[in-house]
Amino acid sequence: QVQLVESGGGLVQPGGSLRLSCTASARLFSLYSMAWYRQAPGKQRELVAKISSGGTTMYADSVKGRFTISRDNAKNTLYLQMSSLKPEDTAVYYCNGDSMLNQYWGQGTQVTVSS
C-alpha cells in the first residue's frame, strides 16, 4: 500500500510564500504521475498542478505563474512552491499519485492565506 504524507502547510499573509512537500512510500515513485489538488470549504476538490513521470507539468489557470510543481525522484518527494498567495488559495491541499493501476491520496495539509 502506497502512503503519501504532505507537510508544509500553515498560515501565511497575502503575497507570501509556502512550499508544500509530499513524501511517498512507493517503490516505483519515479513512474507515477503526481499532482496537487485542493479543496476549499463548501467547494469541490480541484486540480492545482500535475507533473508526469517524465517531468511535464500543467497548472490550473488560477495558479499559473505563481505556483511551481516539481519532484525529486531520488527522495520520493513531490513539491509545490506557492508564491504571491491570495486569500482564495486558502484550502486543504492534497497530494495525489497515479500509478495507472491505482490512485493514492495523502491526508491533506491546510493552507490559510489571511492577514
C-alpha atoms as a PDB file:
ATOM      1  CA  GLN A   1       0.000   0.000   0.000  1.00  0.00           C
ATOM      2  CA  VAL A   2       1.372   3.369  -1.033  1.00  0.00           C
ATOM      3  CA  GLN A   3       1.348   6.139   1.552  1.00  0.00           C
ATOM      4  CA  LEU A   4       1.568   9.836   0.754  1.00  0.00           C
ATOM      5  CA  VAL A   5       2.375  12.272   3.546  1.00  0.00           C
ATOM      6  CA  GLU A   6       2.040  16.032   2.990  1.00  0.00           C
ATOM      7  CA  SER A   7       3.742  18.731   5.021  1.00  0.00           C
ATOM      8  CA  GLY A   8       4.478  22.438   4.840  1.00  0.00           C
ATOM      9  CA  GLY A   9       1.041  23.966   5.195  1.00  0.00           C
ATOM     10  CA  GLY A  10       0.260  26.812   7.535  1.00  0.00           C
ATOM     11  CA  LEU A  11      -0.905  30.384   7.920  1.00  0.00           C
ATOM     12  CA  VAL A  12       0.616  32.974   5.597  1.00  0.00           C
ATOM     13  CA  GLN A  13      -0.192  36.603   4.768  1.00  0.00           C
ATOM     14  CA  PRO A  14      -1.434  37.595   1.313  1.00  0.00           C
ATOM     15  CA  GLY A  15       1.526  37.936  -1.032  1.00  0.00           C
ATOM     16  CA  GLY A  16       3.561  35.433   0.954  1.00  0.00           C
ATOM     17  CA  SER A  17       5.038  32.089   0.002  1.00  0.00           C
ATOM     18  CA  LEU A  18       4.878  28.486   1.173  1.00  0.00           C
ATOM     19  CA  ARG A  19       6.396  25.224  -0.031  1.00  0.00           C
ATOM     20  CA  LEU A  20       4.411  22.036   0.318  1.00  0.00           C
ATOM     21  CA  SER A  21       6.079  18.636   0.308  1.00  0.00           C
ATOM     22  CA  CYS A  22       4.658  15.166  -0.236  1.00  0.00           C
ATOM     23  CA  THR A  23       6.754  12.122   0.585  1.00  0.00           C
ATOM     24  CA  ALA A  24       5.712   8.822  -0.958  1.00  0.00           C
ATOM     25  CA  SER A  25       6.388   5.293   0.224  1.00  0.00           C
ATOM     26  CA  ALA A  26       6.036   3.998  -3.355  1.00  0.00           C
ATOM     27  CA  ARG A  27       8.938   1.866  -4.520  1.00  0.00           C
ATOM     28  CA  LEU A  28       8.379   2.979  -8.117  1.00  0.00           C
ATOM     29  CA  PHE A  29       7.663   6.645  -7.349  1.00  0.00           C
ATOM     30  CA  SER A  30       9.543   7.805 -10.436  1.00  0.00           C
ATOM     31  CA  LEU A  31       6.979   6.051 -12.643  1.00  0.00           C
ATOM     32  CA  TYR A  32       3.996   7.749 -11.032  1.00  0.00           C
ATOM     33  CA  SER A  33       2.213  10.779 -12.370  1.00  0.00           C
ATOM     34  CA  MET A  34       1.853  13.122  -9.385  1.00  0.00           C
ATOM     35  CA  ALA A  35      -0.427  16.036  -8.689  1.00  0.00           C
ATOM     36  CA  TRP A  36      -1.620  18.552  -6.126  1.00  0.00           C
ATOM     37  CA  TYR A  37      -5.326  19.116  -5.577  1.00  0.00           C
ATOM     38  CA  ARG A  38      -7.077  21.481  -3.189  1.00  0.00           C
ATOM     39  CA  GLN A  39     -10.464  21.747  -1.587  1.00  0.00           C
ATOM     40  CA  ALA A  40     -11.840  24.914  -0.094  1.00  0.00           C
ATOM     41  CA  PRO A  41     -14.777  24.877   2.364  1.00  0.00           C
ATOM     42  CA  GLY A  42     -18.035  24.273   0.539  1.00  0.00           C
ATOM     43  CA  LYS A  43     -16.314  23.663  -2.800  1.00  0.00           C
ATOM     44  CA  GLN A  44     -15.347  20.634  -4.835  1.00  0.00           C
ATOM     45  CA  ARG A  45     -11.806  19.339  -4.893  1.00  0.00           C
ATOM     46  CA  GLU A  46      -9.922  20.836  -7.828  1.00  0.00           C
ATOM     47  CA  LEU A  47      -6.697  20.079  -9.638  1.00  0.00           C
ATOM     48  CA  VAL A  48      -3.961  22.622  -8.919  1.00  0.00           C
ATOM     49  CA  ALA A  49      -0.958  21.214 -10.753  1.00  0.00           C
ATOM     50  CA  LYS A  50       0.275  17.960 -12.228  1.00  0.00           C
ATOM     51  CA  ILE A  51       3.664  16.544 -13.156  1.00  0.00           C
ATOM     52  CA  SER A  52       4.196  13.444 -15.278  1.00  0.00           C
ATOM     53  CA  SER A  53       6.816  10.774 -14.709  1.00  0.00           C
ATOM     54  CA  GLY A  54       8.808  12.482 -17.458  1.00  0.00           C
ATOM     55  CA  GLY A  55       8.576  15.905 -15.833  1.00  0.00           C
ATOM     56  CA  THR A  56       5.883  17.502 -17.987  1.00  0.00           C
ATOM     57  CA  THR A  57       3.879  19.971 -15.930  1.00  0.00           C
ATOM     58  CA  MET A  58       0.469  21.553 -16.174  1.00  0.00           C
ATOM     59  CA  TYR A  59      -1.289  24.122 -13.996  1.00  0.00           C
ATOM     60  CA  ALA A  60      -4.755  25.380 -13.297  1.00  0.00           C
ATOM     61  CA  ASP A  61      -5.256  28.838 -14.778  1.00  0.00           C
ATOM     62  CA  SER A  62      -5.803  30.272 -11.314  1.00  0.00           C
ATOM     63  CA  VAL A  63      -2.248  29.425 -10.200  1.00  0.00           C
ATOM     64  CA  LYS A  64      -0.212  29.808 -13.404  1.00  0.00           C
ATOM     65  CA  GLY A  65       2.808  31.994 -12.865  1.00  0.00           C
ATOM     66  CA  ARG A  66       2.500  31.772  -9.063  1.00  0.00           C
ATOM     67  CA  PHE A  67       2.864  28.054  -8.272  1.00  0.00           C
ATOM     68  CA  THR A  68       5.560  25.614  -9.351  1.00  0.00           C
ATOM     69  CA  ILE A  69       5.276  21.833  -9.100  1.00  0.00           C
ATOM     70  CA  SER A  70       8.420  19.718  -9.029  1.00  0.00           C
ATOM     71  CA  ARG A  71       9.602  16.302  -7.973  1.00  0.00           C
ATOM     72  CA  ASP A  72      12.781  14.720  -6.616  1.00  0.00           C
ATOM     73  CA  ASN A  73      12.643  11.048  -7.532  1.00  0.00           C
ATOM     74  CA  ALA A  74      15.765  10.250  -5.507  1.00  0.00           C
ATOM     75  CA  LYS A  75      13.896  11.414  -2.397  1.00  0.00           C
ATOM     76  CA  ASN A  76      10.453  10.096  -3.419  1.00  0.00           C
ATOM     77  CA  THR A  77       9.174  13.622  -2.856  1.00  0.00           C
ATOM     78  CA  LEU A  78       6.783  15.950  -4.638  1.00  0.00           C
ATOM     79  CA  TYR A  79       6.834  19.709  -4.068  1.00  0.00           C
ATOM     80  CA  LEU A  80       4.556  22.661  -4.635  1.00  0.00           C
ATOM     81  CA  GLN A  81       6.195  26.065  -4.362  1.00  0.00           C
ATOM     82  CA  MET A  82       3.475  28.674  -3.870  1.00  0.00           C
ATOM     83  CA  SER A  83       4.186  32.381  -4.229  1.00  0.00           C
ATOM     84  CA  SER A  84       2.084  35.559  -4.326  1.00  0.00           C
ATOM     85  CA  LEU A  85      -0.529  33.756  -2.303  1.00  0.00           C
ATOM     86  CA  LYS A  86      -4.066  35.093  -2.251  1.00  0.00           C
ATOM     87  CA  PRO A  87      -6.908  34.572   0.238  1.00  0.00           C
ATOM     88  CA  GLU A  88      -8.687  32.476  -2.405  1.00  0.00           C
ATOM     89  CA  ASP A  89      -5.795  29.985  -2.260  1.00  0.00           C
ATOM     90  CA  THR A  90      -6.995  29.010   1.216  1.00  0.00           C
ATOM     91  CA  ALA A  91      -7.826  25.300   1.150  1.00  0.00           C
ATOM     92  CA  VAL A  92      -6.747  21.857   2.208  1.00  0.00           C
ATOM     93  CA  TYR A  93      -4.080  20.737  -0.252  1.00  0.00           C
ATOM     94  CA  TYR A  94      -3.872  17.062  -1.176  1.00  0.00           C
ATOM     95  CA  CYS A  95      -1.098  15.099  -2.819  1.00  0.00           C
ATOM     96  CA  ASN A  96      -2.194  12.569  -5.451  1.00  0.00           C
ATOM     97  CA  GLY A  97      -0.263   9.736  -7.027  1.00  0.00           C
ATOM     98  CA  ASP A  98      -1.366   7.848 -10.139  1.00  0.00           C
ATOM     99  CA  SER A  99       0.310   4.540 -10.974  1.00  0.00           C
ATOM    100  CA  MET A 100      -2.050   3.924 -13.947  1.00  0.00           C
ATOM    101  CA  LEU A 101      -3.464   0.988 -11.965  1.00  0.00           C
ATOM    102  CA  ASN A 102      -4.379   2.827  -8.778  1.00  0.00           C
ATOM    103  CA  GLN A 103      -4.742   6.336  -7.388  1.00  0.00           C
ATOM    104  CA  TYR A 104      -3.420   7.311  -3.985  1.00  0.00           C
ATOM    105  CA  TRP A 105      -4.167  10.309  -1.775  1.00  0.00           C
ATOM    106  CA  GLY A 106      -2.476  11.937   1.152  1.00  0.00           C
ATOM    107  CA  GLN A 107      -4.317  13.141   4.239  1.00  0.00           C
ATOM    108  CA  GLY A 108      -4.077  16.803   3.237  1.00  0.00           C
ATOM    109  CA  THR A 109      -2.403  19.862   4.666  1.00  0.00           C
ATOM    110  CA  GLN A 110      -4.178  23.122   5.484  1.00  0.00           C
ATOM    111  CA  VAL A 111      -3.077  26.337   3.801  1.00  0.00           C
ATOM    112  CA  THR A 112      -4.634  29.545   5.103  1.00  0.00           C
ATOM    113  CA  VAL A 113      -3.923  32.888   3.463  1.00  0.00           C
ATOM    114  CA  SER A 114      -5.063  35.709   5.697  1.00  0.00           C
ATOM    115  CA  SER A 115      -3.878  38.969   7.181  1.00  0.00           C
END
